[in-house]
Each structure stands twice: as C-alpha cells, then as structure tokens.
C-alpha cells in the first residue's frame, strides 16, 4: 500500500508536505525561542530559576539550610530568582537594590505575609502582630506593642525587673564556676524570666531553673523549627486536611502548652479584681485595654493571647541565640574579647557591676553586637512577605500571593559589599555608619519598612546588658579537649548547630558582686 502511495504521488504533493513540515518546525522553534527569551527577561515574566519537576516543582531539591542554598542559587540565577514550590511561587531577593524595591519602594504592596499552616496554629489563627494582614487591625496591634509595651518609657519603667533577672543569672553562673554550662540555655532562661516578669510577674529560679529552662527552650525551638520547615500543606492546600508531615498536629500540641499557661495567668489576674490595678505588668494593661474596647478595631482576648505568644516565642529564642553567637565569636577571637574587657573595666571597673545605664558608653561592644548580627542575622530570610497584588520587581513580574524571601544572610555575606565577609571583625562598625533603622539595605538585621521588628529596642537592651554582664563578670574557657564549633543551623530563627558550652571563671574583686 505504501509503495502504491509513493508511486501515485505527484511532486507537488511531496513539496506541499515538506513545506508544511518545515512550517510546523519553524513555528515550534519560534515558540521555544520566544519562551526562552521570556524566561530570561520581560515585563510579563517570572524571574529565572532552576527547572523543577511536574507538579512538585523545586520542592525535592530544597536544602534544609535554606539561607545558604538560596545564596548558592543566586550565584547562578541572579539576585532575583523563582522557585516553584508545588502550587506556590517562591521568589528570592538577594541584593540591596531589590530589597529596597520590595521593602521600601513597594512597601505597602509587600506588607502582607504568606501565612503558613504552622503559624495559624501557633498564633491563634494568625491574629498576632507578625502574621496579621496589613490594615487597621495590624496597625492597632503595632501601636499596642511599640508605643505601649515596648516603647522607651515602658522599657525604662521595668528596668528593675530586667536587672533582677539578669543578676539572678550571674549568681547562678557564679555557683557553677569551674563547671561547664550551656550558654544558650542560660541566656534563653534569662530572657524568658525577663519577659514573663514584664508580662505577668512570673519567674523560674532555684532547683527548677535548669530543668524548666531546658523544657521551655525545647518547646520554643520546636515551634520555630516548625515555622521554618517546608510543609506540603502550604504548597498544596488541597492536602492540608491530611497534614501529611504532621506539622499542624505538632504545632497544635506545642501551642496548647503555652495557651494553658496564658489561661492560668489570665484567670489569676482576673480573680484579683480591683486589687490587680496596682500591678505594673503588661498583662494588667492588656486586660484593661480589652475591657475598654474600641468600636472600630476592638482588642480581643484572642489578640491578647497572640501578643503574649509573640513576646514569649519571638522574644526569647532570638535574643538568646544572638548573645550565644556573639560570645562564641569572641571566645574564638581572644583579641576581640580582650578589647571588650578593657572597655568594660575602663567604664565599670572590677569593683562594680554593669548597669543598663552603662551600655551607651560601650562603643566597641556595640560594634561586636552589630557584627554578630551581620554575620549571623537572627532571621536570615526575615519573615516571608506576600504581595497583595501582582507587581514588578527588577523588571520581572511577581504574582499576587507569591512567597517572597529577602535573603538578609546573603546580603550580609556579599563580598562586593563587605570586605572579608566571613571574618568576625567588629572594627568595621566603629565608624557609626550602620544602624538598625532599615534605611540602608546593605545592613538590616531587624528588617525594614512597615514590618520591621517591633521589638528592636527591647532586643538591643537585653543583648547589650546581658553580653556586657557575662564578659565583665567571668572569664570563659572551653572544657578540656573541646573545640569551638561556629556553624549555623537554619530555622526561621538562626541558631548554633552545636550549643556553646563554656566554663565561667569569676573575675570581679569579691563574691558579693555576684549576689
């Protein structure tokens, strides 16, 4: 039959067939060329990025250390790149200019969050200051936090609480002199005691200190770990009901542990009735705010609990990890530790103790703090942003609802911005050029724009006061045969992969200075 076809076909038929085939191939080539160019650049195109698998996209190729993985990808695909995360589009920003576009030039558009399932479970449906959408409700919560709870006058009014809890830690460390202590655990407990005292007067001391401190830290660490974990329920909403990784279930159990504590404290305070009016803590203020009401944007019990959760979870792990990194870097670089010590002795002396009023007189220690936050930014990818409408960044289209990661870690380690970026060198901050305002997008460890960290002032005070007291009160040595390990472990909050364990050696003039 085929022979018959060819025998009877005319030259004209063959020419038409060949022409059609060439035409189809040309159209196919043109489409591929157009798609290729669109992927490279264009006003209606996504940023470039690695190819992914059908349906799953790039999910299977994600490295657990997302901050360094994204940094490596940026070297191939550029400072703005796309990852297809199941049904979700992820966009990674890794340069100061593009960070400015997102966090300043188009701040309002990017002021929302892509709220993961874990955050909804931890923050009472996402009703806290971190995850609430930008709008009247968020502005109300921000005002409560920044003006009423964490403003200068409020922080000044509870200095005695901070002092008491830090002195309690110094006394405990003195009792452990010559024995190894877990620095991160002790600093976590210190910050936890400060925050709970500010919130409702709670404290952990005596024989319960080590055990409860470890338990609380374990819970907070698990919570922040779940918040930073890629979760299939976020990338395939249809799968949320199945909770295949168990993230929602685990977070619900952890959140309920804190909720029971909150319920207990609230019930106790409510039972005080009018007698509670004399309490200066924040819980009393928040309860009064709830009762006062606001016709436009009411402050509810859910808001109250979510702010308590923000303070306990968001304020403890972040500050304690930052202090741990800073002390570890100084132990690793004795010349830096000696400079800090000399500064402390000049201002305070060995016959006195550090007070919070001293911290503005420690320019070199401030440089140490800034350098520690450059090298080990507390939130290496910030909290992901989410555009409320489709927009353009760096000439590329960012679709509405995308998850936008601003890789602060990559910017802080960029060799075109920082000389010897992997080296711990506080001297680079002695010129006073860098601050935490978020206006310079080469250095913004607390974020920038409307969503800049609400607790910056509190974190700065606790960091400086704690680190100054640790270095002034003790020499620090590693246990015999131990080696200092400075590697990082990624999470929404960055932490040391191996905890800093060191031995405190008292160095002040007398034991009374440790009471």
Protein backbone atom coordinates (compact mmCIF):
# COMPACT_ATOMS: atom_id res chain seq x y z
CA UNK A 1 0.00 0.00 0.00
CA UNK A 2 2.85 2.40 0.90
CA UNK A 3 4.57 1.63 -2.43
CA UNK A 4 1.35 2.43 -4.27
CA UNK A 5 1.09 5.75 -2.45
CA UNK A 6 4.59 6.84 -3.41
CA UNK A 7 4.16 5.62 -6.98
CA UNK A 8 1.00 7.66 -7.49
CA UNK A 9 2.07 10.78 -5.54
CA UNK A 10 2.98 13.81 -7.55
CA UNK A 11 5.98 16.04 -6.99
CA UNK A 12 3.54 18.77 -5.99
CA UNK A 13 2.14 16.67 -3.13
CA UNK A 14 5.62 15.97 -1.78
CA UNK A 15 6.55 19.66 -1.97
CA UNK A 16 3.37 20.64 -0.10
CA UNK A 17 4.06 18.00 2.58
CA UNK A 18 7.65 19.13 3.04
CA UNK A 19 6.61 22.79 3.15
CA UNK A 20 4.02 22.06 5.82
CA UNK A 21 6.57 20.12 7.90
CA UNK A 22 9.12 22.94 7.64
CA UNK A 23 6.43 25.44 8.61
CA UNK A 24 5.44 23.47 11.69
CA UNK A 25 9.08 23.11 12.72
CA UNK A 26 9.65 26.85 12.24
CA UNK A 27 6.62 27.75 14.37
CA UNK A 28 7.74 25.29 17.07
CA UNK A 29 11.27 26.76 17.05
CA UNK A 30 9.87 30.31 17.21
CA UNK A 31 7.65 29.45 20.21
CA UNK A 32 10.61 27.86 22.05
CA UNK A 33 12.78 30.89 21.26
CA UNK A 34 10.08 33.26 22.49
CA UNK A 35 9.57 31.26 25.69
CA UNK A 36 13.31 31.17 26.29
CA UNK A 37 13.59 34.93 25.89
CA UNK A 38 10.58 35.48 28.12
CA UNK A 39 12.18 33.41 30.85
CA UNK A 40 15.34 35.47 30.63
CA UNK A 41 13.71 38.88 30.87
CA UNK A 42 10.49 40.66 30.16
CA UNK A 43 7.81 42.76 31.83
CA UNK A 44 5.41 39.82 32.00
CA UNK A 45 7.86 37.11 33.00
CA UNK A 46 8.81 35.49 36.26
CA UNK A 47 12.42 35.80 37.41
CA UNK A 48 14.74 32.99 36.23
CA UNK A 49 15.27 29.92 38.34
CA UNK A 50 16.09 26.22 38.34
CA UNK A 51 13.86 23.85 36.43
CA UNK A 52 11.58 21.76 38.56
CA UNK A 53 9.60 18.56 38.32
CA UNK A 54 6.00 18.49 37.10
CA UNK A 55 3.57 19.27 39.93
CA UNK A 56 6.27 19.27 42.66
CA UNK A 57 8.41 21.99 41.13
CA UNK A 58 11.63 22.52 43.11
CA UNK A 59 10.38 21.07 46.40
CA UNK A 60 12.53 17.93 46.28
CA UNK A 61 15.72 19.88 45.61
CA UNK A 62 15.38 22.22 48.61
CA UNK A 63 18.32 22.02 51.01
CA UNK A 64 17.48 22.16 54.76
CA UNK A 65 19.94 25.07 55.10
CA UNK A 66 17.74 27.37 53.03
CA UNK A 67 19.75 30.56 53.62
CA UNK A 68 22.96 29.13 52.13
CA UNK A 69 21.06 27.15 49.46
CA UNK A 70 19.33 30.32 48.24
CA UNK A 71 22.66 32.15 48.30
CA UNK A 72 24.23 29.47 46.08
CA UNK A 73 21.29 29.61 43.64
CA UNK A 74 21.65 33.40 43.38
CA UNK A 75 25.20 32.94 42.04
CA UNK A 76 23.72 31.05 39.09
CA UNK A 77 20.37 32.77 38.50
CA UNK A 78 20.99 36.26 39.80
CA UNK A 79 19.79 38.43 42.71
CA UNK A 80 16.13 37.71 41.99
CA UNK A 81 15.07 34.16 41.23
CA UNK A 82 11.99 31.97 41.15
CA UNK A 83 11.35 28.62 42.77
CA UNK A 84 8.21 26.64 42.04
CA UNK A 85 7.07 25.18 45.31
CA UNK A 86 4.14 22.97 44.40
CA UNK A 87 1.25 25.34 43.70
CA UNK A 88 3.16 28.22 45.29
CA UNK A 89 5.57 30.58 43.57
CA UNK A 90 8.61 31.43 45.69
CA UNK A 91 10.77 34.46 44.91
CA UNK A 92 14.19 35.01 46.50
CA UNK A 93 15.69 38.51 46.75
CA UNK A 94 19.46 38.69 47.38
CA UNK A 95 20.64 42.24 46.65
CA UNK A 96 20.30 45.61 48.43
CA UNK A 97 18.70 47.34 45.42
CA UNK A 98 15.99 44.71 45.01
CA UNK A 99 15.42 44.54 48.78
CA UNK A 100 14.81 48.31 48.65
CA UNK A 101 12.22 47.82 45.90
CA UNK A 102 10.35 45.27 48.00
CA UNK A 103 10.69 46.74 51.50
CA UNK A 104 10.64 50.47 50.77
CA UNK A 105 9.54 51.46 47.25
CA UNK A 106 6.63 48.99 47.23
CA UNK A 107 6.36 48.56 50.99
CA UNK A 108 2.55 48.70 51.09
CA UNK A 109 2.18 46.07 48.36
CA UNK A 110 4.55 43.69 50.18
CA UNK A 111 3.31 44.46 53.71
CA UNK A 112 1.33 41.21 53.97
CA UNK A 113 2.54 37.74 54.95
CA UNK A 114 2.11 34.38 53.32
CA UNK A 115 0.84 32.72 56.48
CA UNK A 116 1.93 29.06 56.79
CA UNK A 117 -0.30 26.46 58.41
CA UNK A 118 2.08 26.22 61.38
CA UNK A 119 1.78 29.96 62.06
CA UNK A 120 -2.02 29.84 62.01
CA UNK A 121 -1.89 27.11 64.63
CA UNK A 122 0.72 28.87 66.80
CA UNK A 123 -0.68 32.40 66.62
CA UNK A 124 -4.39 31.83 67.20
CA UNK A 125 -5.26 31.78 63.52
CA UNK A 126 -2.58 34.31 62.61
CA UNK A 127 -4.03 37.03 64.86
CA UNK A 128 -0.71 38.36 66.12
CA UNK A 129 1.49 41.26 65.02
CA UNK A 130 3.73 39.01 62.90
CA UNK A 131 1.10 37.36 60.69
CA UNK A 132 -1.97 39.65 60.72
CA UNK A 133 -2.58 41.22 57.27
CA UNK A 134 -1.62 44.86 56.85
CA UNK A 135 -4.58 47.07 57.74
CA UNK A 136 -6.43 48.63 60.72
CA UNK A 137 -6.15 45.50 62.90
CA UNK A 138 -2.40 45.23 62.34
CA UNK A 139 -1.90 48.96 62.97
CA UNK A 140 -3.76 48.62 66.25
CA UNK A 141 -1.54 45.70 67.34
CA UNK A 142 1.60 47.52 66.24
CA UNK A 143 0.60 50.57 68.26
CA UNK A 144 -0.05 48.46 71.36
CA UNK A 145 3.36 46.78 71.04
CA UNK A 146 5.60 49.65 70.03
CA UNK A 147 4.05 52.56 71.88
CA UNK A 148 2.57 50.96 74.95
CA UNK A 149 4.58 47.79 75.68
CA UNK A 150 7.98 48.20 74.07
CA UNK A 151 8.40 51.97 73.94
CA UNK A 152 11.25 53.75 75.73
CA UNK A 153 9.21 54.86 78.74
CA UNK A 154 7.65 51.40 79.20
CA UNK A 155 11.04 49.68 78.99
CA UNK A 156 12.54 52.19 81.42
CA UNK A 157 9.72 51.53 83.88
CA UNK A 158 10.54 47.80 84.10
CA UNK A 159 14.33 48.09 84.23
CA UNK A 160 14.36 46.78 87.80
CA UNK A 161 12.79 43.53 86.52
CA UNK A 162 15.46 43.13 83.84
CA UNK A 163 18.18 43.87 86.37
CA UNK A 164 16.80 41.41 88.90
CA UNK A 165 16.57 38.53 86.42
CA UNK A 166 19.99 39.14 84.93
CA UNK A 167 21.60 39.34 88.37
CA UNK A 168 19.87 36.05 89.17
CA UNK A 169 21.61 34.51 86.14
CA UNK A 170 25.00 35.93 87.14
CA UNK A 171 24.54 34.50 90.63
CA UNK A 172 23.64 31.10 89.20
CA UNK A 173 26.67 31.11 86.88
CA UNK A 174 28.87 32.03 89.85
CA UNK A 175 27.53 28.98 91.67
CA UNK A 176 28.59 26.89 88.65
CA UNK A 177 32.11 28.37 88.49
CA UNK A 178 34.60 25.85 87.13
CA UNK A 179 31.86 23.67 85.64
CA UNK A 180 30.63 23.65 82.02
CA UNK A 181 27.35 25.50 81.38
CA UNK A 182 25.16 25.69 78.30
CA UNK A 183 25.30 29.40 77.43
CA UNK A 184 22.33 29.43 75.07
CA UNK A 185 20.13 27.64 77.57
CA UNK A 186 21.06 30.04 80.37
CA UNK A 187 20.53 33.11 78.20
CA UNK A 188 17.21 31.73 76.99
CA UNK A 189 16.09 31.29 80.57
CA UNK A 190 17.26 34.80 81.46
CA UNK A 191 15.29 36.39 78.62
CA UNK A 192 12.29 34.17 79.38
CA UNK A 193 12.36 35.29 83.03
CA UNK A 194 12.61 38.93 81.98
CA UNK A 195 9.72 38.65 79.53
CA UNK A 196 7.40 36.66 81.80
CA UNK A 197 8.14 39.10 84.63
CA UNK A 198 7.23 42.00 82.36
CA UNK A 199 4.10 40.17 81.21
CA UNK A 200 2.70 38.76 84.45
CA UNK A 201 5.38 38.66 87.14
CA UNK A 202 6.44 35.05 86.55
CA UNK A 203 9.92 33.70 87.16
CA UNK A 204 11.84 30.43 87.21
CA UNK A 205 14.52 30.04 89.85
CA UNK A 206 16.21 27.72 92.31
CA UNK A 207 16.25 23.99 91.60
CA UNK A 208 13.66 24.36 88.84
CA UNK A 209 15.91 26.66 86.83
CA UNK A 210 17.88 24.21 84.69
CA UNK A 211 15.05 21.73 84.11
CA UNK A 212 12.28 24.18 83.27
CA UNK A 213 14.65 26.33 81.23
CA UNK A 214 15.55 23.35 79.07
CA UNK A 215 11.87 22.38 78.71
CA UNK A 216 10.74 25.87 77.71
CA UNK A 217 13.61 26.19 75.27
CA UNK A 218 12.79 22.84 73.74
CA UNK A 219 9.18 23.91 73.14
CA UNK A 220 10.17 27.26 71.61
CA UNK A 221 12.87 25.61 69.49
CA UNK A 222 10.35 23.09 68.16
CA UNK A 223 7.88 25.87 67.39
CA UNK A 224 10.39 27.99 65.48
CA UNK A 225 11.62 24.86 63.72
CA UNK A 226 8.11 24.02 62.54
CA UNK A 227 7.62 27.61 61.36
CA UNK A 228 10.72 27.35 59.20
CA UNK A 229 10.06 23.84 57.87
CA UNK A 230 8.82 23.42 54.26
CA UNK A 231 5.32 21.98 54.65
CA UNK A 232 3.38 20.25 51.87
CA UNK A 233 0.14 21.66 53.28
CA UNK A 234 1.37 25.17 52.43
CA UNK A 235 2.39 24.26 48.88
CA UNK A 236 -0.62 22.07 48.09
CA UNK A 237 -3.62 23.50 50.02
CA UNK A 238 -5.75 20.54 48.93
CA UNK A 239 -3.52 18.33 51.11
CA UNK A 240 -3.92 20.41 54.26
CA UNK A 241 -6.69 18.20 55.63
CA UNK A 242 -4.31 15.23 55.61
CA UNK A 243 -1.41 17.03 57.40
CA UNK A 244 1.00 14.55 55.80
CA UNK A 245 4.07 15.76 57.72
CA UNK A 246 2.20 16.19 60.99
CA UNK A 247 3.25 19.86 61.23
CA UNK A 248 -0.22 21.12 62.13
CA UNK A 249 -0.72 18.44 64.79
CA UNK A 250 2.69 19.02 66.37
CA UNK A 251 2.25 22.79 66.43
CA UNK A 252 -1.22 22.48 67.95
CA UNK A 253 0.19 20.42 70.84
CA UNK A 254 3.02 22.90 71.44
CA UNK A 255 0.73 25.92 71.25
CA UNK A 256 -1.70 24.35 73.71
CA UNK A 257 1.10 24.06 76.29
CA UNK A 258 1.62 27.81 76.18
CA UNK A 259 -2.10 28.52 75.98
CA UNK A 260 -2.66 26.67 79.27
CA UNK A 261 -0.03 28.91 80.90
CA UNK A 262 -1.70 32.02 79.45
CA UNK A 263 -5.12 30.87 80.64
CA UNK A 264 -3.79 30.30 84.16
CA UNK A 265 -2.17 33.73 84.34
CA UNK A 266 -5.22 35.49 82.92
CA UNK A 267 -7.57 33.70 85.35
CA UNK A 268 -5.36 34.58 88.32
CA UNK A 269 -5.24 38.21 87.28
CA UNK A 270 -8.99 38.40 86.70
CA UNK A 271 -9.63 36.92 90.17
CA UNK A 272 -7.62 39.76 91.68
CA UNK A 273 -10.32 42.14 90.56
CA UNK A 274 -9.62 45.72 91.63
CA UNK A 275 -6.60 44.56 93.64
CA UNK A 276 -4.86 43.86 90.34
CA UNK A 277 -4.92 47.53 89.44
CA UNK A 278 -1.71 48.06 91.34
CA UNK A 279 0.18 45.59 89.13
CA UNK A 280 2.53 47.27 86.69
CA UNK A 281 2.92 44.31 84.35
CA UNK A 282 1.76 44.18 80.74
CA UNK A 283 -0.95 41.60 81.29
CA UNK A 284 -2.84 44.03 83.50
CA UNK A 285 -2.50 46.72 80.84
CA UNK A 286 -3.71 44.36 78.09
CA UNK A 287 -6.74 43.26 80.13
CA UNK A 288 -7.65 46.89 80.75
CA UNK A 289 -7.25 47.60 77.03
CA UNK A 290 -9.57 44.70 76.19
CA UNK A 291 -12.21 45.89 78.65
CA UNK A 292 -12.00 49.46 77.39
CA UNK A 293 -12.95 48.30 73.92
CA UNK A 294 -12.82 50.14 70.61
CA UNK A 295 -15.84 50.39 68.36
CA UNK A 296 -13.71 50.43 65.18
CA UNK A 297 -10.96 47.91 65.93
CA UNK A 298 -11.67 46.04 69.17
CA UNK A 299 -8.79 44.44 71.09
CA UNK A 300 -9.99 40.91 71.83
CA UNK A 301 -8.88 38.09 74.11
CA UNK A 302 -7.50 36.36 71.01
CA UNK A 303 -5.36 39.43 70.29
CA UNK A 304 -4.21 39.44 73.91
CA UNK A 305 -3.10 35.81 73.83
CA UNK A 306 -1.44 36.18 70.44
CA UNK A 307 0.66 39.10 71.73
CA UNK A 308 1.67 37.03 74.76
CA UNK A 309 2.72 34.28 72.36
CA UNK A 310 4.70 36.78 70.26
CA UNK A 311 6.55 38.05 73.32
CA UNK A 312 7.33 34.60 74.74
CA UNK A 313 8.23 32.82 71.49
CA UNK A 314 9.51 35.73 69.41
CA UNK A 315 11.50 37.44 72.15
CA UNK A 316 13.30 34.53 73.78
CA UNK A 317 14.97 32.37 71.13
CA UNK A 318 16.01 35.36 69.01
CA UNK A 319 17.88 37.28 71.72
CA UNK A 320 19.42 34.26 73.45
CA UNK A 321 20.73 32.86 70.15
CA UNK A 322 22.23 36.22 69.20
CA UNK A 323 24.06 36.53 72.55
CA UNK A 324 25.29 32.93 72.23
CA UNK A 325 26.71 33.59 68.74
CA UNK A 326 28.39 36.81 69.91
CA UNK A 327 30.07 35.23 72.94
CA UNK A 328 31.19 32.25 70.85
CA UNK A 329 32.76 34.55 68.25
CA UNK A 330 34.60 36.48 70.99
CA UNK A 331 35.90 33.30 72.63
CA UNK A 332 37.09 32.24 69.18
CA UNK A 333 38.85 35.59 68.73
CA UNK A 334 40.57 36.44 72.07
CA UNK A 335 41.81 39.83 70.84
CA UNK A 336 38.19 40.97 70.42
CA UNK A 337 37.28 39.60 73.86
CA UNK A 338 40.20 41.49 75.42
CA UNK A 339 39.15 44.78 73.79
CA UNK A 340 35.63 44.39 75.16
CA UNK A 341 37.01 43.57 78.59
CA UNK A 342 39.26 46.65 78.59
CA UNK A 343 36.30 48.84 77.64
CA UNK A 344 34.21 47.36 80.47
CA UNK A 345 36.99 47.81 83.02
CA UNK A 346 37.51 51.43 81.98
CA UNK A 347 33.83 52.29 82.35
CA UNK A 348 32.75 49.95 85.17
CA UNK A 349 35.87 48.58 86.88
CA UNK A 350 36.31 45.27 88.72
CA UNK A 351 34.81 46.62 91.93
CA UNK A 352 31.41 47.32 90.43
CA UNK A 353 28.74 45.62 88.32
CA UNK A 354 27.38 46.55 84.92
CA UNK A 355 24.15 48.55 84.85
CA UNK A 356 21.95 49.14 81.85
CA UNK A 357 22.79 52.85 82.10
CA UNK A 358 26.38 51.95 81.15
CA UNK A 359 25.64 50.40 77.77
CA UNK A 360 25.75 53.66 75.78
CA UNK A 361 29.37 54.02 76.93
CA UNK A 362 30.46 50.78 75.22
CA UNK A 363 31.09 51.68 71.54
CA UNK A 364 33.25 48.62 70.91
CA UNK A 365 30.69 46.28 72.46
CA UNK A 366 28.05 47.88 70.24
CA UNK A 367 30.30 47.09 67.27
CA UNK A 368 30.51 43.48 68.48
CA UNK A 369 26.71 43.27 68.60
CA UNK A 370 26.33 44.73 65.11
CA UNK A 371 28.99 42.42 63.68
CA UNK A 372 27.40 39.36 65.31
CA UNK A 373 24.05 40.32 63.75
CA UNK A 374 25.72 40.85 60.38
CA UNK A 375 27.50 37.51 60.40
CA UNK A 376 24.60 35.59 61.98
CA UNK A 377 21.36 37.53 61.29
CA UNK A 378 18.69 36.30 63.68
CA UNK A 379 16.06 35.86 60.94
CA UNK A 380 18.24 35.03 57.91
CA UNK A 381 15.32 35.23 55.45
CA UNK A 382 13.24 37.64 57.56
CA UNK A 383 9.58 36.59 57.74
CA UNK A 384 8.44 35.92 54.14
CA UNK A 385 6.46 38.71 52.51
CA UNK A 386 3.47 38.31 50.20
CA UNK A 387 2.39 40.84 47.54
CA UNK A 388 -1.26 41.86 47.77
CA UNK A 389 -1.33 42.39 44.01
CA UNK A 390 0.74 41.38 41.01
CA UNK A 391 3.65 43.79 40.63
CA UNK A 392 7.07 44.25 39.03
CA UNK A 393 10.42 43.98 40.81
CA UNK A 394 13.73 44.25 39.00
CA UNK A 395 11.89 44.14 35.67
CA UNK A 396 10.21 40.82 36.48
CA UNK A 397 6.62 40.00 37.39
CA UNK A 398 5.93 38.93 40.95
CA UNK A 399 2.45 37.37 41.06
CA UNK A 400 -0.05 38.16 43.77
CA UNK A 401 0.21 35.65 46.62
CA UNK A 402 3.83 34.65 45.97
CA UNK A 403 6.07 33.84 48.94
CA UNK A 404 8.90 36.39 48.84
CA UNK A 405 12.10 35.65 50.76
CA UNK A 406 14.51 38.52 51.40
CA UNK A 407 17.86 36.82 51.96
CA UNK A 408 19.45 39.13 54.53
CA UNK A 409 22.10 36.48 55.21
CA UNK A 410 23.26 36.61 51.56
CA UNK A 411 23.41 40.42 51.56
CA UNK A 412 25.34 40.45 54.85
CA UNK A 413 27.85 37.97 53.35
CA UNK A 414 28.24 39.67 49.95
CA UNK A 415 31.95 40.20 49.21
CA UNK A 416 31.12 43.15 46.93
CA UNK A 417 29.67 44.95 49.96
CA UNK A 418 31.75 43.64 52.87
CA UNK A 419 35.49 43.12 52.97
CA UNK A 420 36.33 39.59 54.17
CA UNK A 421 32.62 38.91 54.86
CA UNK A 422 33.24 35.58 56.64
CA UNK A 423 35.57 37.16 59.19
CA UNK A 424 34.26 38.35 62.57
CA UNK A 425 35.57 41.93 62.64
CA UNK A 426 33.71 44.43 64.89
CA UNK A 427 36.08 47.20 63.74
CA UNK A 428 34.04 47.55 60.53
CA UNK A 429 31.23 49.04 62.63
CA UNK A 430 33.25 51.59 64.60
CA UNK A 431 32.58 54.37 62.07
CA UNK A 432 28.97 54.67 63.26
CA UNK A 433 27.65 54.33 59.70
CA UNK A 434 25.36 51.35 60.26
CA UNK A 435 22.22 51.27 62.40
CA UNK A 436 19.01 49.25 62.73
CA UNK A 437 16.66 51.75 61.10
CA UNK A 438 16.29 49.60 57.99
CA UNK A 439 17.14 52.54 55.72
CA UNK A 440 20.40 51.03 54.45
CA UNK A 441 19.73 47.81 52.57
CA UNK A 442 23.28 46.60 52.90
CA UNK A 443 22.68 46.04 56.63
CA UNK A 444 19.21 45.48 58.08
CA UNK A 445 19.23 42.60 60.60
CA UNK A 446 15.82 43.61 62.02
CA UNK A 447 14.16 44.05 58.63
CA UNK A 448 12.79 47.26 57.16
CA UNK A 449 9.60 49.10 56.30
CA UNK A 450 6.24 48.69 57.94
CA UNK A 451 7.05 45.16 59.06
CA UNK A 452 10.37 46.00 60.71
CA UNK A 453 10.78 44.14 64.02
CA UNK A 454 8.62 45.71 66.73
CA UNK A 455 10.95 44.50 69.49
CA UNK A 456 14.21 46.07 68.28
CA UNK A 457 14.60 48.40 71.29
CA UNK A 458 13.97 45.57 73.76
CA UNK A 459 16.35 43.21 71.91
CA UNK A 460 19.12 45.80 71.81
CA UNK A 461 18.89 46.45 75.56
CA UNK A 462 18.80 42.80 76.50
CA UNK A 463 21.65 41.89 74.15
CA UNK A 464 23.97 44.66 75.32
CA UNK A 465 23.17 44.36 79.02
CA UNK A 466 23.44 40.55 79.02
CA UNK A 467 26.63 40.30 76.98
CA UNK A 468 28.34 43.08 78.95
CA UNK A 469 27.49 41.35 82.24
CA UNK A 470 28.71 37.93 81.04
CA UNK A 471 32.05 39.27 79.82
CA UNK A 472 32.59 41.62 82.76
CA UNK A 473 31.75 39.04 85.43
CA UNK A 474 33.60 35.99 84.07
CA UNK A 475 36.48 34.68 82.06
CA UNK A 476 35.23 31.97 79.70
CA UNK A 477 37.07 28.77 78.84
CA UNK A 478 36.13 25.75 76.79
CA UNK A 479 36.03 22.35 78.54
CA UNK A 480 39.26 20.37 78.19
CA UNK A 481 39.55 18.73 74.79
CA UNK A 482 36.52 20.59 73.41
CA UNK A 483 36.68 22.52 70.15
CA UNK A 484 34.60 25.61 69.38
CA UNK A 485 32.09 25.00 66.60
CA UNK A 486 30.58 28.11 64.99
CA UNK A 487 28.45 26.53 62.24
CA UNK A 488 24.82 27.57 61.87
CA UNK A 489 21.58 25.64 61.77
CA UNK A 490 18.81 27.16 59.68
CA UNK A 491 15.35 27.87 61.00
CA UNK A 492 13.09 30.88 60.81
CA UNK A 493 15.42 31.81 63.71
CA UNK A 494 19.11 31.07 63.08
CA UNK A 495 20.89 29.12 65.83
CA UNK A 496 24.23 27.46 66.56
CA UNK A 497 24.35 23.93 65.23
CA UNK A 498 26.25 22.82 68.34
CA UNK A 499 25.42 24.67 71.58
CA UNK A 500 28.12 26.80 73.17
CA UNK A 501 29.23 25.06 76.37
CA UNK A 502 31.82 27.04 78.35
CA UNK A 503 33.24 27.28 81.86
CA UNK A 504 32.75 30.54 83.82
CA UNK A 505 35.72 31.74 85.91
CA UNK A 506 34.83 34.63 88.28
CA UNK A 507 36.95 37.74 87.68
CA UNK A 508 35.40 40.50 89.84
CA UNK A 509 37.04 41.68 93.05
CA UNK A 510 34.74 39.92 95.52
CA UNK A 511 31.92 37.35 95.85
CA UNK A 512 29.40 39.99 96.99
CA UNK A 513 29.43 41.38 93.45
CA UNK A 514 27.76 38.14 92.33
CA UNK A 515 24.79 38.35 94.70
